[in-house]
PDB file of all heavy atoms in Angstrom:
ATOM      1  N   ARG A   1       0.825  -1.211   0.000  1.00  0.00           N
ATOM      2  CA  ARG A   1       0.000   0.000   0.000  1.00  0.00           C
ATOM      3  C   ARG A   1       0.858   1.259   0.000  1.00  0.00           C
ATOM      4  O   ARG A   1       1.904   1.324   0.630  1.00  0.00           O
ATOM      5  CB  ARG A   1      -0.893   0.019   1.253  1.00  0.00           C
ATOM      6  CG  ARG A   1      -1.663  -1.266   1.499  1.00  0.00           C
ATOM      7  CD  ARG A   1      -2.655  -1.575   0.419  1.00  0.00           C
ATOM      8  NE  ARG A   1      -3.795  -0.662   0.463  1.00  0.00           N
ATOM      9  CZ  ARG A   1      -4.793  -0.699  -0.411  1.00  0.00           C
ATOM     10  NH1 ARG A   1      -4.772  -1.551  -1.405  1.00  0.00           N
ATOM     11  NH2 ARG A   1      -5.790   0.144  -0.297  1.00  0.00           N
ATOM     12  N   GLN A   2       0.394   2.293  -0.740  1.00  0.00           N
ATOM     13  CA  GLN A   2       1.035   3.614  -0.760  1.00  0.00           C
ATOM     14  C   GLN A   2       2.559   3.517  -0.957  1.00  0.00           C
ATOM     15  O   GLN A   2       3.333   4.153  -0.242  1.00  0.00           O
ATOM     16  CB  GLN A   2       0.737   4.386   0.539  1.00  0.00           C
ATOM     17  CG  GLN A   2      -0.675   4.937   0.641  1.00  0.00           C
ATOM     18  CD  GLN A   2      -1.706   3.866   0.980  1.00  0.00           C
ATOM     19  OE1 GLN A   2      -1.527   3.107   1.919  1.00  0.00           O
ATOM     20  NE2 GLN A   2      -2.789   3.812   0.222  1.00  0.00           N
ATOM     21  N   GLN A   3       2.986   2.736  -1.921  1.00  0.00           N
ATOM     22  CA  GLN A   3       4.423   2.521  -2.097  1.00  0.00           C
ATOM     23  C   GLN A   3       5.151   3.799  -2.508  1.00  0.00           C
ATOM     24  O   GLN A   3       6.258   4.062  -2.041  1.00  0.00           O
ATOM     25  CB  GLN A   3       4.661   1.410  -3.122  1.00  0.00           C
ATOM     26  CG  GLN A   3       4.226   0.043  -2.608  1.00  0.00           C
ATOM     27  CD  GLN A   3       4.415  -1.055  -3.630  1.00  0.00           C
ATOM     28  OE1 GLN A   3       4.221  -0.850  -4.828  1.00  0.00           O
ATOM     29  NE2 GLN A   3       4.810  -2.225  -3.172  1.00  0.00           N
ATOM     30  N   GLY A   4       4.548   4.589  -3.393  1.00  0.00           N
ATOM     31  CA  GLY A   4       5.181   5.837  -3.799  1.00  0.00           C
ATOM     32  C   GLY A   4       5.304   6.821  -2.656  1.00  0.00           C
ATOM     33  O   GLY A   4       6.339   7.471  -2.469  1.00  0.00           O
ATOM     34  N   GLU A   5       4.244   6.908  -1.862  1.00  0.00           N
ATOM     35  CA  GLU A   5       4.253   7.813  -0.716  1.00  0.00           C
ATOM     36  C   GLU A   5       5.298   7.383   0.313  1.00  0.00           C
ATOM     37  O   GLU A   5       6.034   8.215   0.874  1.00  0.00           O
ATOM     38  CB  GLU A   5       2.870   7.856  -0.068  1.00  0.00           C
ATOM     39  CG  GLU A   5       1.798   8.550  -0.902  1.00  0.00           C
ATOM     40  CD  GLU A   5       1.075   7.589  -1.844  1.00  0.00           C
ATOM     41  OE1 GLU A   5       1.676   6.541  -2.191  1.00  0.00           O
ATOM     42  OE2 GLU A   5      -0.069   7.877  -2.225  1.00  0.00           O
ATOM     43  N   LYS A   6       5.390   6.070   0.553  1.00  0.00           N
ATOM     44  CA  LYS A   6       6.352   5.568   1.534  1.00  0.00           C
ATOM     45  C   LYS A   6       7.792   5.823   1.079  1.00  0.00           C
ATOM     46  O   LYS A   6       8.663   6.137   1.908  1.00  0.00           O
ATOM     47  CB  LYS A   6       6.117   4.078   1.772  1.00  0.00           C
ATOM     48  CG  LYS A   6       4.828   3.796   2.526  1.00  0.00           C
ATOM     49  CD  LYS A   6       4.570   2.300   2.642  1.00  0.00           C
ATOM     50  CE  LYS A   6       3.267   2.019   3.378  1.00  0.00           C
ATOM     51  NZ  LYS A   6       2.987   0.566   3.446  1.00  0.00           N
ATOM     52  N   ALA A   7       8.046   5.697  -0.214  1.00  0.00           N
ATOM     53  CA  ALA A   7       9.387   5.973  -0.737  1.00  0.00           C
ATOM     54  C   ALA A   7       9.758   7.435  -0.508  1.00  0.00           C
ATOM     55  O   ALA A   7      10.892   7.762  -0.137  1.00  0.00           O
ATOM     56  CB  ALA A   7       9.461   5.624  -2.216  1.00  0.00           C
ATOM     57  N   ALA A   8       8.792   8.333  -0.731  1.00  0.00           N
ATOM     58  CA  ALA A   8       9.040   9.760  -0.527  1.00  0.00           C
ATOM     59  C   ALA A   8       9.287  10.069   0.950  1.00  0.00           C
ATOM     60  O   ALA A   8      10.180  10.846   1.297  1.00  0.00           O
ATOM     61  CB  ALA A   8       7.852  10.568  -1.052  1.00  0.00           C
ATOM     62  N   LEU A   9       8.500   9.466   1.825  1.00  0.00           N
ATOM     63  CA  LEU A   9       8.673   9.683   3.262  1.00  0.00           C
ATOM     64  C   LEU A   9      10.031   9.185   3.737  1.00  0.00           C
ATOM     65  O   LEU A   9      10.711   9.846   4.530  1.00  0.00           O
ATOM     66  CB  LEU A   9       7.562   8.964   4.029  1.00  0.00           C
ATOM     67  CG  LEU A   9       6.139   9.507   3.828  1.00  0.00           C
ATOM     68  CD1 LEU A   9       5.113   8.533   4.406  1.00  0.00           C
ATOM     69  CD2 LEU A   9       5.978  10.871   4.479  1.00  0.00           C
ATOM     70  N   ALA A  10      10.439   8.022   3.235  1.00  0.00           N
ATOM     71  CA  ALA A  10      11.730   7.460   3.637  1.00  0.00           C
ATOM     72  C   ALA A  10      12.878   8.349   3.187  1.00  0.00           C
ATOM     73  O   ALA A  10      13.838   8.564   3.946  1.00  0.00           O
ATOM     74  CB  ALA A  10      11.887   6.056   3.048  1.00  0.00           C
ATOM     75  N   ARG A  11      12.799   8.868   1.985  1.00  0.00           N
ATOM     76  CA  ARG A  11      13.872   9.744   1.501  1.00  0.00           C
ATOM     77  C   ARG A  11      13.984  11.000   2.361  1.00  0.00           C
ATOM     78  O   ARG A  11      15.093  11.443   2.703  1.00  0.00           O
ATOM     79  CB  ARG A  11      13.623  10.126   0.040  1.00  0.00           C
ATOM     80  CG  ARG A  11      14.773  10.915  -0.585  1.00  0.00           C
ATOM     81  CD  ARG A  11      14.552  11.165  -2.050  1.00  0.00           C
ATOM     82  NE  ARG A  11      13.411  12.039  -2.298  1.00  0.00           N
ATOM     83  CZ  ARG A  11      13.092  12.529  -3.502  1.00  0.00           C
ATOM     84  NH1 ARG A  11      13.812  12.177  -4.558  1.00  0.00           N
ATOM     85  NH2 ARG A  11      12.049  13.307  -3.646  1.00  0.00           N
ATOM     86  N   ALA A  12      12.834  11.562   2.738  1.00  0.00           N
ATOM     87  CA  ALA A  12      12.856  12.755   3.598  1.00  0.00           C
ATOM     88  C   ALA A  12      13.382  12.416   4.987  1.00  0.00           C
ATOM     89  O   ALA A  12      14.122  13.197   5.592  1.00  0.00           O
ATOM     90  CB  ALA A  12      11.457  13.356   3.681  1.00  0.00           C
ATOM     91  N   ALA A  13      13.021  11.249   5.507  1.00  0.00           N
ATOM     92  CA  ALA A  13      13.490  10.848   6.833  1.00  0.00           C
ATOM     93  C   ALA A  13      14.983  10.599   6.858  1.00  0.00           C
ATOM     94  O   ALA A  13      15.658  10.860   7.863  1.00  0.00           O
ATOM     95  CB  ALA A  13      12.749   9.588   7.279  1.00  0.00           C
ATOM     96  N   CYS A  14      15.531  10.127   5.740  1.00  0.00           N
ATOM     97  CA  CYS A  14      16.955   9.803   5.681  1.00  0.00           C
ATOM     98  C   CYS A  14      17.817  11.038   5.951  1.00  0.00           C
ATOM     99  O   CYS A  14      18.929  10.927   6.480  1.00  0.00           O
ATOM    100  CB  CYS A  14      17.287   9.199   4.321  1.00  0.00           C
ATOM    101  SG  CYS A  14      18.904   8.420   4.239  1.00  0.00           S
ATOM    102  N   ALA A  15      17.299  12.213   5.615  1.00  0.00           N
ATOM    103  CA  ALA A  15      18.046  13.448   5.820  1.00  0.00           C
ATOM    104  C   ALA A  15      18.275  13.739   7.303  1.00  0.00           C
ATOM    105  O   ALA A  15      19.177  14.512   7.658  1.00  0.00           O
ATOM    106  CB  ALA A  15      17.311  14.620   5.164  1.00  0.00           C
ATOM    107  N   TRP A  16      17.495  13.114   8.182  1.00  0.00           N
ATOM    108  CA  TRP A  16      17.634  13.320   9.620  1.00  0.00           C
ATOM    109  C   TRP A  16      18.689  12.410  10.254  1.00  0.00           C
ATOM    110  O   TRP A  16      19.024  12.574  11.425  1.00  0.00           O
ATOM    111  CB  TRP A  16      16.283  13.079  10.308  1.00  0.00           C
ATOM    112  CG  TRP A  16      15.322  14.202  10.105  1.00  0.00           C
ATOM    113  CD1 TRP A  16      14.622  14.497   8.966  1.00  0.00           C
ATOM    114  CD2 TRP A  16      14.948  15.195  11.067  1.00  0.00           C
ATOM    115  NE1 TRP A  16      13.834  15.604   9.155  1.00  0.00           N
ATOM    116  CE2 TRP A  16      14.017  16.055  10.431  1.00  0.00           C
ATOM    117  CE3 TRP A  16      15.293  15.430  12.392  1.00  0.00           C
ATOM    118  CZ2 TRP A  16      13.447  17.138  11.090  1.00  0.00           C
ATOM    119  CZ3 TRP A  16      14.715  16.510  13.051  1.00  0.00           C
ATOM    120  CH2 TRP A  16      13.807  17.348  12.405  1.00  0.00           C
ATOM    121  N   ILE A  17      19.174  11.455   9.503  1.00  0.00           N
ATOM    122  CA  ILE A  17      20.123  10.476  10.040  1.00  0.00           C
ATOM    123  C   ILE A  17      21.543  10.844   9.628  1.00  0.00           C
ATOM    124  O   ILE A  17      21.798  11.151   8.462  1.00  0.00           O
ATOM    125  CB  ILE A  17      19.759   9.059   9.549  1.00  0.00           C
ATOM    126  CG1 ILE A  17      18.374   8.671  10.070  1.00  0.00           C
ATOM    127  CG2 ILE A  17      20.814   8.041   9.988  1.00  0.00           C
ATOM    128  CD1 ILE A  17      17.848   7.372   9.505  1.00  0.00           C
ATOM    129  N   GLU A  18      22.465  10.807  10.588  1.00  0.00           N
ATOM    130  CA  GLU A  18      23.860  11.152  10.337  1.00  0.00           C
ATOM    131  C   GLU A  18      24.756   9.957  10.646  1.00  0.00           C
ATOM    132  O   GLU A  18      24.426   9.119  11.491  1.00  0.00           O
ATOM    133  CB  GLU A  18      24.279  12.338  11.220  1.00  0.00           C
ATOM    134  CG  GLU A  18      23.491  13.612  10.978  1.00  0.00           C
ATOM    135  CD  GLU A  18      23.753  14.231   9.620  1.00  0.00           C
ATOM    136  OE1 GLU A  18      24.801  13.896   9.015  1.00  0.00           O
ATOM    137  OE2 GLU A  18      22.926  15.041   9.167  1.00  0.00           O
ATOM    138  N   PRO A  19      25.913   9.860   9.966  1.00  0.00           N
ATOM    139  CA  PRO A  19      26.867   8.796  10.291  1.00  0.00           C
ATOM    140  C   PRO A  19      27.208   8.805  11.778  1.00  0.00           C
ATOM    141  O   PRO A  19      27.390   9.867  12.381  1.00  0.00           O
ATOM    142  CB  PRO A  19      28.083   9.140   9.427  1.00  0.00           C
ATOM    143  CG  PRO A  19      27.512   9.882   8.262  1.00  0.00           C
ATOM    144  CD  PRO A  19      26.377  10.689   8.829  1.00  0.00           C
ATOM    145  N   GLY A  20      27.259   7.629  12.362  1.00  0.00           N
ATOM    146  CA  GLY A  20      27.548   7.499  13.790  1.00  0.00           C
ATOM    147  C   GLY A  20      26.313   7.437  14.663  1.00  0.00           C
ATOM    148  O   GLY A  20      26.415   7.112  15.858  1.00  0.00           O
ATOM    149  N   HIS A  21      25.155   7.734  14.104  1.00  0.00           N
ATOM    150  CA  HIS A  21      23.919   7.703  14.886  1.00  0.00           C
ATOM    151  C   HIS A  21      23.550   6.279  15.308  1.00  0.00           C
ATOM    152  O   HIS A  21      23.821   5.301  14.597  1.00  0.00           O
ATOM    153  CB  HIS A  21      22.755   8.259  14.065  1.00  0.00           C
ATOM    154  CG  HIS A  21      22.567   9.725  14.213  1.00  0.00           C
ATOM    155  ND1 HIS A  21      21.646  10.446  13.474  1.00  0.00           N
ATOM    156  CD2 HIS A  21      23.171  10.642  15.023  1.00  0.00           C
ATOM    157  CE1 HIS A  21      21.685  11.718  13.823  1.00  0.00           C
ATOM    158  NE2 HIS A  21      22.607  11.864  14.758  1.00  0.00           N
ATOM    159  N   ALA A  22      22.880   6.190  16.453  1.00  0.00           N
ATOM    160  CA  ALA A  22      22.141   4.987  16.838  1.00  0.00           C
ATOM    161  C   ALA A  22      20.678   5.267  16.498  1.00  0.00           C
ATOM    162  O   ALA A  22      20.103   6.250  16.981  1.00  0.00           O
ATOM    163  CB  ALA A  22      22.297   4.693  18.319  1.00  0.00           C
ATOM    164  N   VAL A  23      20.095   4.423  15.645  1.00  0.00           N
ATOM    165  CA  VAL A  23      18.771   4.671  15.087  1.00  0.00           C
ATOM    166  C   VAL A  23      17.821   3.547  15.476  1.00  0.00           C
ATOM    167  O   VAL A  23      18.131   2.367  15.258  1.00  0.00           O
ATOM    168  CB  VAL A  23      18.832   4.760  13.544  1.00  0.00           C
ATOM    169  CG1 VAL A  23      17.457   5.077  12.959  1.00  0.00           C
ATOM    170  CG2 VAL A  23      19.861   5.786  13.103  1.00  0.00           C
ATOM    171  N   ILE A  24      16.681   3.895  16.037  1.00  0.00           N
ATOM    172  CA  ILE A  24      15.627   2.910  16.296  1.00  0.00           C
ATOM    173  C   ILE A  24      14.631   2.965  15.143  1.00  0.00           C
ATOM    174  O   ILE A  24      14.142   4.042  14.779  1.00  0.00           O
ATOM    175  CB  ILE A  24      14.896   3.189  17.616  1.00  0.00           C
ATOM    176  CG1 ILE A  24      15.849   3.077  18.810  1.00  0.00           C
ATOM    177  CG2 ILE A  24      13.730   2.215  17.801  1.00  0.00           C
ATOM    178  CD1 ILE A  24      15.202   3.423  20.145  1.00  0.00           C
ATOM    179  N   LEU A  25      14.332   1.795  14.573  1.00  0.00           N
ATOM    180  CA  LEU A  25      13.300   1.676  13.544  1.00  0.00           C
ATOM    181  C   LEU A  25      12.180   0.792  14.077  1.00  0.00           C
ATOM    182  O   LEU A  25      12.437  -0.313  14.565  1.00  0.00           O
ATOM    183  CB  LEU A  25      13.875   1.062  12.269  1.00  0.00           C
ATOM    184  CG  LEU A  25      14.996   1.832  11.565  1.00  0.00           C
ATOM    185  CD1 LEU A  25      15.425   1.082  10.310  1.00  0.00           C
ATOM    186  CD2 LEU A  25      14.568   3.245  11.216  1.00  0.00           C
ATOM    187  N   ASP A  26      10.948   1.248  13.975  1.00  0.00           N
ATOM    188  CA  ASP A  26       9.829   0.446  14.463  1.00  0.00           C
ATOM    189  C   ASP A  26       9.442  -0.603  13.417  1.00  0.00           C
ATOM    190  O   ASP A  26      10.132  -0.804  12.422  1.00  0.00           O
ATOM    191  CB  ASP A  26       8.653   1.341  14.850  1.00  0.00           C
ATOM    192  CG  ASP A  26       7.920   1.942  13.652  1.00  0.00           C
ATOM    193  OD1 ASP A  26       8.420   1.822  12.509  1.00  0.00           O
ATOM    194  OD2 ASP A  26       6.841   2.528  13.851  1.00  0.00           O
ATOM    195  N   ASP A  27       8.302  -1.257  13.630  1.00  0.00           N
ATOM    196  CA  ASP A  27       7.899  -2.350  12.749  1.00  0.00           C
ATOM    197  C   ASP A  27       6.920  -1.904  11.671  1.00  0.00           C
ATOM    198  O   ASP A  27       6.103  -2.696  11.196  1.00  0.00           O
ATOM    199  CB  ASP A  27       7.295  -3.495  13.562  1.00  0.00           C
ATOM    200  CG  ASP A  27       6.042  -3.083  14.326  1.00  0.00           C
ATOM    201  OD1 ASP A  27       5.720  -1.873  14.349  1.00  0.00           O
ATOM    202  OD2 ASP A  27       5.388  -3.968  14.909  1.00  0.00           O
ATOM    203  N   SER A  28       7.015  -0.657  11.245  1.00  0.00           N
ATOM    204  CA  SER A  28       6.132  -0.165  10.192  1.00  0.00           C
ATOM    205  C   SER A  28       6.750  -0.417   8.820  1.00  0.00           C
ATOM    206  O   SER A  28       7.968  -0.332   8.646  1.00  0.00           O
ATOM    207  CB  SER A  28       5.861   1.331  10.371  1.00  0.00           C
ATOM    208  OG  SER A  28       7.048   2.075  10.178  1.00  0.00           O
ATOM    209  N   THR A  29       5.901  -0.706   7.850  1.00  0.00           N
ATOM    210  CA  THR A  29       6.402  -0.897   6.489  1.00  0.00           C
ATOM    211  C   THR A  29       6.832   0.426   5.876  1.00  0.00           C
ATOM    212  O   THR A  29       7.550   0.433   4.873  1.00  0.00           O
ATOM    213  CB  THR A  29       5.337  -1.561   5.606  1.00  0.00           C
ATOM    214  OG1 THR A  29       4.141  -0.777   5.611  1.00  0.00           O
ATOM    215  CG2 THR A  29       5.025  -2.962   6.107  1.00  0.00           C
ATOM    216  N   THR A  30       6.415   1.538   6.466  1.00  0.00           N
ATOM    217  CA  THR A  30       6.891   2.840   5.989  1.00  0.00           C
ATOM    218  C   THR A  30       8.373   3.000   6.287  1.00  0.00           C
ATOM    219  O   THR A  30       9.157   3.378   5.410  1.00  0.00           O
ATOM    220  CB  THR A  30       6.085   3.979   6.648  1.00  0.00           C
ATOM    221  OG1 THR A  30       4.686   3.746   6.451  1.00  0.00           O
ATOM    222  CG2 THR A  30       6.448   5.318   6.029  1.00  0.00           C
ATOM    223  N   THR A  31       8.786   2.694   7.505  1.00  0.00           N
ATOM    224  CA  THR A  31      10.203   2.814   7.836  1.00  0.00           C
ATOM    225  C   THR A  31      11.036   1.748   7.122  1.00  0.00           C
ATOM    226  O   THR A  31      12.233   1.938   6.921  1.00  0.00           O
ATOM    227  CB  THR A  31      10.437   2.711   9.354  1.00  0.00           C
ATOM    228  OG1 THR A  31       9.901   1.477   9.841  1.00  0.00           O
ATOM    229  CG2 THR A  31       9.783   3.863  10.085  1.00  0.00           C
ATOM    230  N   LEU A  32      10.411   0.646   6.735  1.00  0.00           N
ATOM    231  CA  LEU A  32      11.140  -0.389   5.994  1.00  0.00           C
ATOM    232  C   LEU A  32      11.719   0.170   4.698  1.00  0.00           C
ATOM    233  O   LEU A  32      12.777  -0.266   4.233  1.00  0.00           O
ATOM    234  CB  LEU A  32      10.208  -1.564   5.694  1.00  0.00           C
ATOM    235  CG  LEU A  32      10.816  -2.796   5.020  1.00  0.00           C
ATOM    236  CD1 LEU A  32      11.946  -3.383   5.854  1.00  0.00           C
ATOM    237  CD2 LEU A  32       9.724  -3.841   4.784  1.00  0.00           C
ATOM    238  N   ASN A  33      11.045   1.158   4.115  1.00  0.00           N
ATOM    239  CA  ASN A  33      11.540   1.783   2.888  1.00  0.00           C
ATOM    240  C   ASN A  33      12.828   2.565   3.109  1.00  0.00           C
ATOM    241  O   ASN A  33      13.529   2.890   2.156  1.00  0.00           O
ATOM    242  CB  ASN A  33      10.474   2.717   2.306  1.00  0.00           C
ATOM    243  CG  ASN A  33       9.355   1.978   1.617  1.00  0.00           C
ATOM    244  OD1 ASN A  33       9.326   1.869   0.402  1.00  0.00           O
ATOM    245  ND2 ASN A  33       8.412   1.465   2.387  1.00  0.00           N
ATOM    246  N   LEU A  34      13.134   2.869   4.353  1.00  0.00           N
ATOM    247  CA  LEU A  34      14.348   3.607   4.693  1.00  0.00           C
ATOM    248  C   LEU A  34      15.591   2.712   4.678  1.00  0.00           C
ATOM    249  O   LEU A  34      16.716   3.187   4.465  1.00  0.00           O
ATOM    250  CB  LEU A  34      14.161   4.237   6.076  1.00  0.00           C
ATOM    251  CG  LEU A  34      15.263   5.103   6.668  1.00  0.00           C
ATOM    252  CD1 LEU A  34      15.551   6.305   5.791  1.00  0.00           C
ATOM    253  CD2 LEU A  34      14.849   5.559   8.072  1.00  0.00           C
ATOM    254  N   VAL A  35      15.394   1.421   4.869  1.00  0.00           N
ATOM    255  CA  VAL A  35      16.513   0.497   5.058  1.00  0.00           C
ATOM    256  C   VAL A  35      17.516   0.508   3.903  1.00  0.00           C
ATOM    257  O   VAL A  35      18.737   0.552   4.130  1.00  0.00           O
ATOM    258  CB  VAL A  35      15.990  -0.930   5.332  1.00  0.00           C
ATOM    259  CG1 VAL A  35      17.123  -1.946   5.334  1.00  0.00           C
ATOM    260  CG2 VAL A  35      15.259  -0.951   6.672  1.00  0.00           C
ATOM    261  N   PRO A  36      17.084   0.476   2.631  1.00  0.00           N
ATOM    262  CA  PRO A  36      18.073   0.469   1.544  1.00  0.00           C
ATOM    263  C   PRO A  36      18.941   1.725   1.492  1.00  0.00           C
ATOM    264  O   PRO A  36      19.997   1.711   0.845  1.00  0.00           O
ATOM    265  CB  PRO A  36      17.205   0.351   0.280  1.00  0.00           C
ATOM    266  CG  PRO A  36      15.914  -0.226   0.740  1.00  0.00           C
ATOM    267  CD  PRO A  36      15.710   0.323   2.111  1.00  0.00           C
ATOM    268  N   MET A  37      18.523   2.792   2.134  1.00  0.00           N
ATOM    269  CA  MET A  37      19.268   4.046   2.111  1.00  0.00           C
ATOM    270  C   MET A  37      20.301   4.146   3.222  1.00  0.00           C
ATOM    271  O   MET A  37      21.142   5.047   3.206  1.00  0.00           O
ATOM    272  CB  MET A  37      18.292   5.230   2.236  1.00  0.00           C
ATOM    273  CG  MET A  37      17.163   5.221   1.236  1.00  0.00           C
ATOM    274  SD  MET A  37      15.981   6.567   1.560  1.00  0.00           S
ATOM    275  CE  MET A  37      14.644   6.111   0.462  1.00  0.00           C
ATOM    276  N   LEU A  38      20.246   3.238   4.185  1.00  0.00           N
ATOM    277  CA  LEU A  38      21.077   3.377   5.376  1.00  0.00           C
ATOM    278  C   LEU A  38      22.556   3.140   5.102  1.00  0.00           C
ATOM    279  O   LEU A  38      23.408   3.660   5.826  1.00  0.00           O
ATOM    280  CB  LEU A  38      20.584   2.438   6.476  1.00  0.00           C
ATOM    281  CG  LEU A  38      19.181   2.723   7.020  1.00  0.00           C
ATOM    282  CD1 LEU A  38      18.822   1.716   8.099  1.00  0.00           C
ATOM    283  CD2 LEU A  38      19.090   4.146   7.564  1.00  0.00           C
TER     284      LEU A  38
END
């Protein structure tokens, strides 16, 4: 569901993550779209 929207959200969220961070990801399929960018 909403695959295009989730891809856009993940790309925007990736900008908040910096090298060296400890990042918690929940069990949402929206955040799953962030994984390939990490």
